[in-house]
Structure formats: C-alpha cells, structure tokens
C-alpha cells in the first residue's frame, strides 16, 4: 500500500465504503462503472461491462493498493475509501511472464508460491497462491497446462487421462520458486468461490 494512502486513511478514518464503481475482467482488465452499476443485483442479465481503464498510472495505482478483507471481498483502497471490486472470475488473473519463466498476477507482482491448483468442470484452471486466489488467463491456459507434470515427470495431460481420483499432485516447470509440488483438485465451477475463499459480488455480501 502506498504511504500516501496510509496517511489518508489515518487522517479520514470514517469514510464510507463504496460498491459498484469498479470491476475486474477475466482477462485482468480494470473497468470503471461511472453510474455505480457494476454490482447490480444478480438477476440473470449480463453484468454491465463498464469502461476500460487504460491509463498506466491509474492502473498501477489501483494494483498497488488492491487487497482483500477478512470475508474474502477484494477492494481498491482509494485514499481513505474502500472501493469494492466486482470480480468477473477471480481476485487475481495469472499469466506467464516469459521473460522470467514465472507466473505473474495482473497487478504485475510475481507469484512465489502455488499451494494448490483447481480445475473446474468448465475447463478453467485456478491457483491458490501466496498473493491470493487466481485464474489462469485463457490465452495462457494451454501453456500452463503444458508446464504441469507429476513428481514422476508425467505430463498433466497424460495423468488426467489415467486418473479416476479427485486430485493429483503436480508441479509446474516454471521459475525455481514455483516448482514445488501441489495438489490439483477437480471441482464444479459454481463451488470455486467457496473453495478458494473469495467473493465475486461484494455488494451482495454486505447488502
């Protein structure tokens, strides 16, 4: 968190939290909702897309001051005010940083530890990391799958064809800090929030 943000929190400690103004797409893009409708009630209609935030100074500021509360709701600490974020997929969107052969969050921070992997029944791959829960971005999913192997060296794709159990142990062939084996679990897509401990729609949690 930025020092200026900490100072603002200390100076104005009672600023109300806000909901509905910011969302994070499944591609890791921050989006602004000028009418505050990002967290409209879940009535089956598509969520409002909002407006892309493309200014690198703004996105960097959001990313540096992005965190979670004790209930698993993620927010951007904008000075003294918490701006809760609607998550279209997960709190973090993970991609491969080819330069360093590592996993990197959409915030620009490198993942040091993956403690578990989760493959849902819609084909999405999630990871529980030292930074928090994240979704492997779609364009990098095949490459990440290709890096995963069992401790015996069997590729994940081959292991999946041979297994009938609920989880297997895998390790990624990525940077040295990310090669530790971890369990890969299979789950239903609608259980992923509970299993990984995050909330996609904070407004409903605090309603």
C-alpha atoms as a PDB file:
ATOM      1  CA  UNK A   1       0.000   0.000   0.000  1.00  0.00           C
ATOM      2  CA  UNK A   2       1.225   3.490  -0.844  1.00  0.00           C
ATOM      3  CA  UNK A   3       2.359   5.716   2.036  1.00  0.00           C
ATOM      4  CA  UNK A   4       0.051   8.496   0.841  1.00  0.00           C
ATOM      5  CA  UNK A   5      -2.885   6.113   1.062  1.00  0.00           C
ATOM      6  CA  UNK A   6      -1.941   5.109   4.606  1.00  0.00           C
ATOM      7  CA  UNK A   7      -1.734   8.768   5.567  1.00  0.00           C
ATOM      8  CA  UNK A   8      -5.164   9.471   4.077  1.00  0.00           C
ATOM      9  CA  UNK A   9      -6.666   6.535   5.986  1.00  0.00           C
ATOM     10  CA  UNK A  10      -5.223   7.857   9.239  1.00  0.00           C
ATOM     11  CA  UNK A  11      -6.486  11.387   8.579  1.00  0.00           C
ATOM     12  CA  UNK A  12     -10.021  10.379   7.485  1.00  0.00           C
ATOM     13  CA  UNK A  13     -10.772   7.056   9.191  1.00  0.00           C
ATOM     14  CA  UNK A  14     -14.557   7.027   8.783  1.00  0.00           C
ATOM     15  CA  UNK A  15     -15.100   7.437   5.036  1.00  0.00           C
ATOM     16  CA  UNK A  16     -17.894   5.052   3.910  1.00  0.00           C
ATOM     17  CA  UNK A  17     -17.058   2.135   1.633  1.00  0.00           C
ATOM     18  CA  UNK A  18     -18.440   2.188  -1.910  1.00  0.00           C
ATOM     19  CA  UNK A  19     -19.681  -0.580  -4.188  1.00  0.00           C
ATOM     20  CA  UNK A  20     -20.437  -0.772  -7.880  1.00  0.00           C
ATOM     21  CA  UNK A  21     -17.775   1.516  -9.335  1.00  0.00           C
ATOM     22  CA  UNK A  22     -15.007  -0.900 -10.275  1.00  0.00           C
ATOM     23  CA  UNK A  23     -14.760  -4.370 -11.794  1.00  0.00           C
ATOM     24  CA  UNK A  24     -12.010  -6.767 -12.855  1.00  0.00           C
ATOM     25  CA  UNK A  25     -12.496  -8.810 -16.018  1.00  0.00           C
ATOM     26  CA  UNK A  26     -11.425 -12.415 -16.516  1.00  0.00           C
ATOM     27  CA  UNK A  27      -8.625 -11.048 -18.715  1.00  0.00           C
ATOM     28  CA  UNK A  28      -7.228  -8.924 -15.890  1.00  0.00           C
ATOM     29  CA  UNK A  29      -8.543  -5.557 -17.061  1.00  0.00           C
ATOM     30  CA  UNK A  30      -9.763  -2.910 -14.640  1.00  0.00           C
ATOM     31  CA  UNK A  31     -13.061  -1.331 -15.674  1.00  0.00           C
ATOM     32  CA  UNK A  32     -14.791   1.773 -14.322  1.00  0.00           C
ATOM     33  CA  UNK A  33     -18.573   1.997 -13.885  1.00  0.00           C
ATOM     34  CA  UNK A  34     -19.394   5.734 -13.805  1.00  0.00           C
ATOM     35  CA  UNK A  35     -23.031   5.129 -12.823  1.00  0.00           C
ATOM     36  CA  UNK A  36     -22.101   2.782  -9.993  1.00  0.00           C
ATOM     37  CA  UNK A  37     -23.862  -0.204 -11.538  1.00  0.00           C
ATOM     38  CA  UNK A  38     -21.054  -2.799 -11.512  1.00  0.00           C
ATOM     39  CA  UNK A  39     -22.666  -4.649  -8.647  1.00  0.00           C
ATOM     40  CA  UNK A  40     -26.269  -4.553  -9.780  1.00  0.00           C
ATOM     41  CA  UNK A  41     -28.326  -7.433  -8.317  1.00  0.00           C
ATOM     42  CA  UNK A  42     -27.657 -10.793  -9.935  1.00  0.00           C
ATOM     43  CA  UNK A  43     -30.920 -11.184 -11.894  1.00  0.00           C
ATOM     44  CA  UNK A  44     -29.573 -13.341 -14.711  1.00  0.00           C
ATOM     45  CA  UNK A  45     -28.810 -10.446 -17.048  1.00  0.00           C
ATOM     46  CA  UNK A  46     -25.209  -9.915 -18.238  1.00  0.00           C
ATOM     47  CA  UNK A  47     -23.163  -7.781 -15.860  1.00  0.00           C
ATOM     48  CA  UNK A  48     -22.570  -4.206 -17.097  1.00  0.00           C
ATOM     49  CA  UNK A  49     -19.194  -4.053 -18.834  1.00  0.00           C
ATOM     50  CA  UNK A  50     -18.178  -0.572 -17.750  1.00  0.00           C
ATOM     51  CA  UNK A  51     -15.380   1.465 -19.310  1.00  0.00           C
ATOM     52  CA  UNK A  52     -11.819   0.238 -19.750  1.00  0.00           C
ATOM     53  CA  UNK A  53      -9.193   1.969 -17.607  1.00  0.00           C
ATOM     54  CA  UNK A  54      -6.164   2.254 -19.858  1.00  0.00           C
ATOM     55  CA  UNK A  55      -4.054   4.953 -18.190  1.00  0.00           C
ATOM     56  CA  UNK A  56      -0.991   3.071 -16.869  1.00  0.00           C
ATOM     57  CA  UNK A  57      -0.536   5.422 -13.910  1.00  0.00           C
ATOM     58  CA  UNK A  58      -4.100   4.790 -12.769  1.00  0.00           C
ATOM     59  CA  UNK A  59      -3.972   1.018 -13.259  1.00  0.00           C
ATOM     60  CA  UNK A  60      -0.652   0.872 -11.421  1.00  0.00           C
ATOM     61  CA  UNK A  61      -2.089   2.879  -8.520  1.00  0.00           C
ATOM     62  CA  UNK A  62      -5.095   0.563  -8.294  1.00  0.00           C
ATOM     63  CA  UNK A  63      -2.910  -2.535  -8.424  1.00  0.00           C
ATOM     64  CA  UNK A  64      -0.556  -1.309  -5.681  1.00  0.00           C
ATOM     65  CA  UNK A  65      -3.465  -0.654  -3.347  1.00  0.00           C
ATOM     66  CA  UNK A  66      -5.595  -3.714  -4.122  1.00  0.00           C
ATOM     67  CA  UNK A  67      -6.276  -6.155  -1.296  1.00  0.00           C
ATOM     68  CA  UNK A  68      -8.857  -8.307   0.468  1.00  0.00           C
ATOM     69  CA  UNK A  69     -10.833  -8.019   3.667  1.00  0.00           C
ATOM     70  CA  UNK A  70     -11.450 -10.815   6.166  1.00  0.00           C
ATOM     71  CA  UNK A  71     -14.576 -12.022   4.352  1.00  0.00           C
ATOM     72  CA  UNK A  72     -12.830 -12.563   1.008  1.00  0.00           C
ATOM     73  CA  UNK A  73     -14.156  -9.409  -0.651  1.00  0.00           C
ATOM     74  CA  UNK A  74     -11.476  -7.591  -2.650  1.00  0.00           C
ATOM     75  CA  UNK A  75     -11.202  -3.825  -2.835  1.00  0.00           C
ATOM     76  CA  UNK A  76      -9.066  -0.928  -4.015  1.00  0.00           C
ATOM     77  CA  UNK A  77      -8.007   1.390  -1.198  1.00  0.00           C
ATOM     78  CA  UNK A  78      -8.518   4.771  -2.863  1.00  0.00           C
ATOM     79  CA  UNK A  79      -7.061   7.135  -0.298  1.00  0.00           C
ATOM     80  CA  UNK A  80      -9.292   6.867   2.781  1.00  0.00           C
ATOM     81  CA  UNK A  81     -12.063   4.971   0.966  1.00  0.00           C
ATOM     82  CA  UNK A  82     -12.509   1.283   0.138  1.00  0.00           C
ATOM     83  CA  UNK A  83     -13.775   0.745  -3.419  1.00  0.00           C
ATOM     84  CA  UNK A  84     -15.064  -2.829  -3.580  1.00  0.00           C
ATOM     85  CA  UNK A  85     -14.480  -4.706  -6.827  1.00  0.00           C
ATOM     86  CA  UNK A  86     -16.845  -6.932  -8.769  1.00  0.00           C
ATOM     87  CA  UNK A  87     -14.853  -9.928  -9.917  1.00  0.00           C
ATOM     88  CA  UNK A  88     -15.845 -11.467 -13.225  1.00  0.00           C
ATOM     89  CA  UNK A  89     -13.709 -14.531 -12.482  1.00  0.00           C
ATOM     90  CA  UNK A  90     -11.196 -14.306  -9.618  1.00  0.00           C
ATOM     91  CA  UNK A  91      -9.328 -11.739  -7.495  1.00  0.00           C
ATOM     92  CA  UNK A  92      -6.132 -12.272  -9.482  1.00  0.00           C
ATOM     93  CA  UNK A  93      -5.661 -13.048 -13.152  1.00  0.00           C
ATOM     94  CA  UNK A  94      -2.477 -15.032 -13.680  1.00  0.00           C
ATOM     95  CA  UNK A  95      -0.364 -15.157 -16.804  1.00  0.00           C
ATOM     96  CA  UNK A  96       3.035 -16.476 -17.796  1.00  0.00           C
ATOM     97  CA  UNK A  97       5.861 -13.956 -17.748  1.00  0.00           C
ATOM     98  CA  UNK A  98       8.025 -15.453 -20.481  1.00  0.00           C
ATOM     99  CA  UNK A  99      10.934 -13.161 -19.644  1.00  0.00           C
ATOM    100  CA  UNK A 100      11.320 -14.686 -16.174  1.00  0.00           C
ATOM    101  CA  UNK A 101       9.599 -18.023 -16.820  1.00  0.00           C
ATOM    102  CA  UNK A 102       7.206 -17.364 -13.961  1.00  0.00           C
ATOM    103  CA  UNK A 103       3.571 -16.795 -13.128  1.00  0.00           C
ATOM    104  CA  UNK A 104       2.619 -13.148 -12.729  1.00  0.00           C
ATOM    105  CA  UNK A 105      -0.591 -11.582 -11.475  1.00  0.00           C
ATOM    106  CA  UNK A 106      -2.420  -8.888 -13.440  1.00  0.00           C
ATOM    107  CA  UNK A 107      -1.109  -6.464 -10.806  1.00  0.00           C
ATOM    108  CA  UNK A 108       2.439  -7.058 -12.056  1.00  0.00           C
ATOM    109  CA  UNK A 109       3.532  -8.994  -8.963  1.00  0.00           C
ATOM    110  CA  UNK A 110       5.291 -12.320  -9.479  1.00  0.00           C
ATOM    111  CA  UNK A 111       3.780 -15.378  -7.808  1.00  0.00           C
ATOM    112  CA  UNK A 112       6.232 -17.038  -5.414  1.00  0.00           C
ATOM    113  CA  UNK A 113       4.178 -19.998  -4.212  1.00  0.00           C
ATOM    114  CA  UNK A 114       1.288 -22.052  -5.579  1.00  0.00           C
ATOM    115  CA  UNK A 115      -0.193 -24.085  -2.720  1.00  0.00           C
ATOM    116  CA  UNK A 116      -2.964 -25.745  -4.751  1.00  0.00           C
ATOM    117  CA  UNK A 117      -4.429 -25.938  -8.244  1.00  0.00           C
ATOM    118  CA  UNK A 118      -8.125 -26.226  -9.104  1.00  0.00           C
ATOM    119  CA  UNK A 119      -9.545 -27.365 -12.442  1.00  0.00           C
ATOM    120  CA  UNK A 120     -13.278 -26.760 -12.738  1.00  0.00           C
ATOM    121  CA  UNK A 121     -15.807 -28.612 -14.855  1.00  0.00           C
ATOM    122  CA  UNK A 122     -15.854 -25.778 -17.407  1.00  0.00           C
ATOM    123  CA  UNK A 123     -12.128 -26.145 -18.113  1.00  0.00           C
ATOM    124  CA  UNK A 124     -10.895 -23.138 -16.122  1.00  0.00           C
ATOM    125  CA  UNK A 125      -7.686 -23.514 -14.105  1.00  0.00           C
ATOM    126  CA  UNK A 126      -7.303 -21.669 -10.807  1.00  0.00           C
ATOM    127  CA  UNK A 127      -4.372 -21.456  -8.401  1.00  0.00           C
ATOM    128  CA  UNK A 128      -4.214 -20.657  -4.703  1.00  0.00           C
ATOM    129  CA  UNK A 129      -1.075 -18.541  -4.410  1.00  0.00           C
ATOM    130  CA  UNK A 130       0.841 -16.508  -1.848  1.00  0.00           C
ATOM    131  CA  UNK A 131      -0.843 -13.436  -3.379  1.00  0.00           C
ATOM    132  CA  UNK A 132      -4.344 -14.901  -3.199  1.00  0.00           C
ATOM    133  CA  UNK A 133      -6.614 -16.940  -5.469  1.00  0.00           C
ATOM    134  CA  UNK A 134      -6.161 -16.507  -9.200  1.00  0.00           C
ATOM    135  CA  UNK A 135      -7.439 -17.693 -12.560  1.00  0.00           C
ATOM    136  CA  UNK A 136      -5.015 -18.638 -15.308  1.00  0.00           C
ATOM    137  CA  UNK A 137      -5.852 -16.265 -18.155  1.00  0.00           C
ATOM    138  CA  UNK A 138      -7.406 -18.079 -21.099  1.00  0.00           C
ATOM    139  CA  UNK A 139      -4.714 -17.350 -23.653  1.00  0.00           C
ATOM    140  CA  UNK A 140      -2.029 -18.810 -21.360  1.00  0.00           C
ATOM    141  CA  UNK A 141      -4.010 -21.844 -20.209  1.00  0.00           C
ATOM    142  CA  UNK A 142      -2.554 -24.293 -22.785  1.00  0.00           C
ATOM    143  CA  UNK A 143       0.984 -23.159 -21.962  1.00  0.00           C
ATOM    144  CA  UNK A 144       0.454 -23.523 -18.207  1.00  0.00           C
ATOM    145  CA  UNK A 145      -1.122 -26.953 -18.662  1.00  0.00           C
ATOM    146  CA  UNK A 146       1.933 -27.944 -20.688  1.00  0.00           C
ATOM    147  CA  UNK A 147       4.246 -26.969 -17.806  1.00  0.00           C
ATOM    148  CA  UNK A 148       2.418 -29.087 -15.233  1.00  0.00           C
ATOM    149  CA  UNK A 149       3.665 -32.589 -14.546  1.00  0.00           C
ATOM    150  CA  UNK A 150       3.552 -35.162 -11.774  1.00  0.00           C
ATOM    151  CA  UNK A 151       6.551 -35.566  -9.437  1.00  0.00           C
ATOM    152  CA  UNK A 152       7.466 -38.593 -11.558  1.00  0.00           C
ATOM    153  CA  UNK A 153       7.654 -36.399 -14.655  1.00  0.00           C
ATOM    154  CA  UNK A 154       4.395 -37.474 -16.293  1.00  0.00           C
ATOM    155  CA  UNK A 155       2.714 -34.588 -18.186  1.00  0.00           C
ATOM    156  CA  UNK A 156      -0.574 -33.436 -16.682  1.00  0.00           C
ATOM    157  CA  UNK A 157      -2.480 -34.195 -19.883  1.00  0.00           C
ATOM    158  CA  UNK A 158      -1.373 -37.833 -19.680  1.00  0.00           C
ATOM    159  CA  UNK A 159      -2.049 -38.035 -15.952  1.00  0.00           C
ATOM    160  CA  UNK A 160      -5.598 -36.722 -16.436  1.00  0.00           C
ATOM    161  CA  UNK A 161      -6.358 -39.493 -18.901  1.00  0.00           C
ATOM    162  CA  UNK A 162      -5.148 -42.129 -16.457  1.00  0.00           C
ATOM    163  CA  UNK A 163      -6.652 -40.896 -13.178  1.00  0.00           C
ATOM    164  CA  UNK A 164     -10.032 -41.557 -11.597  1.00  0.00           C
ATOM    165  CA  UNK A 165      -9.315 -39.800  -8.283  1.00  0.00           C
ATOM    166  CA  UNK A 166     -10.438 -36.361  -7.072  1.00  0.00           C
ATOM    167  CA  UNK A 167      -6.963 -34.835  -7.081  1.00  0.00           C
ATOM    168  CA  UNK A 168      -3.410 -35.454  -8.219  1.00  0.00           C
ATOM    169  CA  UNK A 169      -0.079 -33.903  -7.271  1.00  0.00           C
ATOM    170  CA  UNK A 170       1.564 -31.733  -9.924  1.00  0.00           C
ATOM    171  CA  UNK A 171       4.418 -29.263 -10.222  1.00  0.00           C
ATOM    172  CA  UNK A 172       4.994 -26.580 -12.876  1.00  0.00           C
ATOM    173  CA  UNK A 173       8.151 -26.375 -14.941  1.00  0.00           C
ATOM    174  CA  UNK A 174       8.476 -22.654 -14.289  1.00  0.00           C
ATOM    175  CA  UNK A 175      10.831 -20.495 -12.225  1.00  0.00           C
ATOM    176  CA  UNK A 176      12.693 -22.228  -9.400  1.00  0.00           C
ATOM    177  CA  UNK A 177      10.449 -20.734  -6.711  1.00  0.00           C
ATOM    178  CA  UNK A 178       7.366 -22.171  -8.393  1.00  0.00           C
ATOM    179  CA  UNK A 179       8.371 -25.775  -8.938  1.00  0.00           C
ATOM    180  CA  UNK A 180       7.171 -27.210  -5.627  1.00  0.00           C
ATOM    181  CA  UNK A 181       4.559 -29.978  -5.984  1.00  0.00           C
ATOM    182  CA  UNK A 182       0.977 -29.095  -5.055  1.00  0.00           C
ATOM    183  CA  UNK A 183      -2.338 -30.887  -5.304  1.00  0.00           C
ATOM    184  CA  UNK A 184      -4.531 -30.293  -8.333  1.00  0.00           C
ATOM    185  CA  UNK A 185      -8.199 -30.721  -7.421  1.00  0.00           C
ATOM    186  CA  UNK A 186     -11.244 -31.145  -9.634  1.00  0.00           C
ATOM    187  CA  UNK A 187     -14.365 -29.163  -8.779  1.00  0.00           C
ATOM    188  CA  UNK A 188     -17.621 -27.696 -10.031  1.00  0.00           C
ATOM    189  CA  UNK A 189     -17.352 -24.163 -11.388  1.00  0.00           C
ATOM    190  CA  UNK A 190     -20.056 -22.893  -9.036  1.00  0.00           C
ATOM    191  CA  UNK A 191     -18.060 -24.048  -5.996  1.00  0.00           C
ATOM    192  CA  UNK A 192     -14.826 -22.208  -6.775  1.00  0.00           C
ATOM    193  CA  UNK A 193     -15.582 -19.099  -4.689  1.00  0.00           C
ATOM    194  CA  UNK A 194     -16.190 -21.170  -1.575  1.00  0.00           C
ATOM    195  CA  UNK A 195     -13.230 -23.477  -2.163  1.00  0.00           C
ATOM    196  CA  UNK A 196     -10.761 -20.635  -2.733  1.00  0.00           C
ATOM    197  CA  UNK A 197     -12.307 -18.213  -0.254  1.00  0.00           C
ATOM    198  CA  UNK A 198     -13.283 -15.150  -2.278  1.00  0.00           C
ATOM    199  CA  UNK A 199     -16.456 -13.226  -3.142  1.00  0.00           C
ATOM    200  CA  UNK A 200     -17.213 -12.148  -6.696  1.00  0.00           C
ATOM    201  CA  UNK A 201     -20.042  -9.761  -5.811  1.00  0.00           C
ATOM    202  CA  UNK A 202     -19.214  -7.911  -2.574  1.00  0.00           C
ATOM    203  CA  UNK A 203     -22.402  -5.833  -2.682  1.00  0.00           C
ATOM    204  CA  UNK A 204     -24.434  -8.980  -2.094  1.00  0.00           C
ATOM    205  CA  UNK A 205     -22.252  -9.979   0.864  1.00  0.00           C
ATOM    206  CA  UNK A 206     -22.716  -6.591   2.526  1.00  0.00           C
ATOM    207  CA  UNK A 207     -26.323  -5.996   1.482  1.00  0.00           C
END
